[in-house]
Amino acid sequence: MIAIESRNNLITVSVLGEFTLTDYQAFEQQVLHDVAMQGGVYVLMDLRDMLSYTLDVAWEEIRFTQQHKYDFRKIAIVTPNDWPGWLVWIQRLTVDGEVQSFDDPAMAMAWLKIPV
């Protein structure tokens, strides 16, 4: 399950339980909407409550970020574990913006420094 909130050019995503392709596609639609309305986006992706993900999510992540590599300004990924490090590594290869992982959401928000 996924919860998405969008304000200004910040998209906040929280994943609860299994991260599915349908969840990721909802995120894609939000990114496309916000990019069309405001230009590049900042993303705060909270994976602290994610239990698992499906392989098609990983593939879709690569495909989408390659197609929209210039639409992301910064991506902050919040996770207490090192195992989602593949996500950061892949995004650094496919996204023109900065990507960083954090274990504290407040530190992630401070790093994002969203311009008003």
Protein backbone atom coordinates (compact mmCIF):
# COMPACT_ATOMS: atom_id res chain seq x y z
CA MET A 1 0.00 0.00 0.00
CA ILE A 2 1.16 3.51 -0.75
CA ALA A 3 0.22 6.94 0.58
CA ILE A 4 1.05 9.95 -1.60
CA GLU A 5 0.90 13.62 -0.67
CA SER A 6 1.84 16.47 -2.99
CA ARG A 7 2.44 20.07 -1.97
CA ASN A 8 4.21 22.69 -4.08
CA ASN A 9 6.84 20.63 -5.90
CA LEU A 10 7.37 18.07 -3.09
CA ILE A 11 5.91 14.59 -3.43
CA THR A 12 5.90 12.63 -0.18
CA VAL A 13 5.44 8.87 -0.51
CA SER A 14 5.01 6.38 2.33
CA VAL A 15 5.03 2.66 1.56
CA LEU A 16 3.24 0.35 3.98
CA GLY A 17 3.60 -3.42 3.60
CA GLU A 18 4.20 -4.66 0.08
CA PHE A 19 5.16 -2.14 -2.62
CA THR A 20 3.30 -3.24 -5.76
CA LEU A 21 3.32 -2.18 -9.39
CA THR A 22 -0.10 -0.56 -8.93
CA ASP A 23 1.37 1.51 -6.08
CA TYR A 24 4.33 2.58 -8.17
CA GLN A 25 2.07 3.53 -11.07
CA ALA A 26 0.10 5.81 -8.72
CA PHE A 27 3.41 7.48 -7.83
CA GLU A 28 4.24 7.85 -11.54
CA GLN A 29 0.91 9.58 -12.19
CA GLN A 30 1.57 12.04 -9.37
CA VAL A 31 5.06 12.80 -10.70
CA LEU A 32 3.71 13.37 -14.23
CA HIS A 33 0.96 15.64 -12.91
CA ASP A 34 3.30 17.71 -10.75
CA VAL A 35 5.95 18.01 -13.47
CA ALA A 36 3.30 19.25 -15.92
CA MET A 37 2.05 21.81 -13.38
CA GLN A 38 5.29 22.93 -11.72
CA GLY A 39 8.36 21.57 -13.46
CA GLY A 40 10.93 19.43 -11.64
CA VAL A 41 9.92 17.68 -8.44
CA TYR A 42 11.47 16.81 -5.10
CA VAL A 43 10.61 13.40 -3.65
CA LEU A 44 10.63 12.17 -0.06
CA MET A 45 10.15 8.39 -0.18
CA ASP A 46 9.58 6.80 3.23
CA LEU A 47 10.29 3.06 3.11
CA ARG A 48 10.50 2.47 6.87
CA ASP A 49 7.26 0.45 6.88
CA MET A 50 7.83 -1.36 3.59
CA LEU A 51 7.93 -5.12 4.10
CA SER A 52 8.60 -6.21 0.53
CA TYR A 53 8.35 -5.18 -3.10
CA THR A 54 7.56 -7.00 -6.29
CA LEU A 55 10.16 -7.47 -9.02
CA ASP A 56 8.02 -5.59 -11.52
CA VAL A 57 8.32 -2.49 -9.28
CA ALA A 58 12.10 -2.57 -9.62
CA TRP A 59 11.86 -2.88 -13.39
CA GLU A 60 9.26 -0.11 -13.63
CA GLU A 61 11.43 2.12 -11.43
CA ILE A 62 14.31 1.81 -13.88
CA ARG A 63 12.10 2.37 -16.92
CA PHE A 64 10.28 5.38 -15.50
CA THR A 65 13.32 7.16 -14.10
CA GLN A 66 15.22 6.72 -17.36
CA GLN A 67 12.33 8.26 -19.29
CA HIS A 68 12.00 11.14 -16.81
CA LYS A 69 15.58 11.54 -15.62
CA TYR A 70 15.48 15.36 -15.81
CA ASP A 71 12.16 15.72 -13.96
CA PHE A 72 13.61 14.92 -10.51
CA ARG A 73 15.55 17.62 -8.62
CA LYS A 74 16.26 15.63 -5.44
CA ILE A 75 15.11 12.27 -4.10
CA ALA A 76 15.45 11.51 -0.39
CA ILE A 77 14.83 7.89 0.59
CA VAL A 78 14.12 7.20 4.27
CA THR A 79 14.90 3.67 5.38
CA PRO A 80 16.40 2.18 8.54
CA ASN A 81 17.87 -0.70 6.54
CA ASP A 82 20.71 -0.94 4.07
CA TRP A 83 18.94 -3.44 1.80
CA PRO A 84 17.04 -0.79 -0.23
CA GLY A 85 20.45 0.61 -1.14
CA TRP A 86 19.95 -0.88 -4.61
CA LEU A 87 17.21 1.68 -5.12
CA VAL A 88 19.55 4.57 -4.35
CA TRP A 89 22.26 3.08 -6.56
CA ILE A 90 19.90 2.54 -9.50
CA GLN A 91 18.38 6.00 -9.16
CA ARG A 92 21.81 7.62 -9.12
CA LEU A 93 22.47 5.97 -12.48
CA THR A 94 19.14 6.89 -14.04
CA VAL A 95 18.20 10.28 -12.53
CA ASP A 96 19.91 13.58 -13.26
CA GLY A 97 18.99 15.00 -9.82
CA GLU A 98 20.59 14.19 -6.49
CA VAL A 99 19.66 11.00 -4.61
CA GLN A 100 20.44 10.34 -0.95
CA SER A 101 19.30 7.85 1.70
CA PHE A 102 18.54 8.69 5.33
CA ASP A 103 17.37 6.89 8.44
CA ASP A 104 15.67 10.02 9.83
CA PRO A 105 12.80 11.80 7.99
CA ALA A 106 13.69 15.19 9.51
CA MET A 107 17.23 14.94 8.14
CA ALA A 108 15.82 13.97 4.75
CA MET A 109 13.53 17.02 4.70
CA ALA A 110 16.40 19.30 5.75
CA TRP A 111 18.55 17.91 2.91
CA LEU A 112 15.79 18.43 0.35
CA LYS A 113 15.65 22.21 1.08
CA ILE A 114 12.59 22.78 -1.06
CA PRO A 115 12.65 26.26 -2.62
CA VAL A 116 9.44 28.20 -2.00
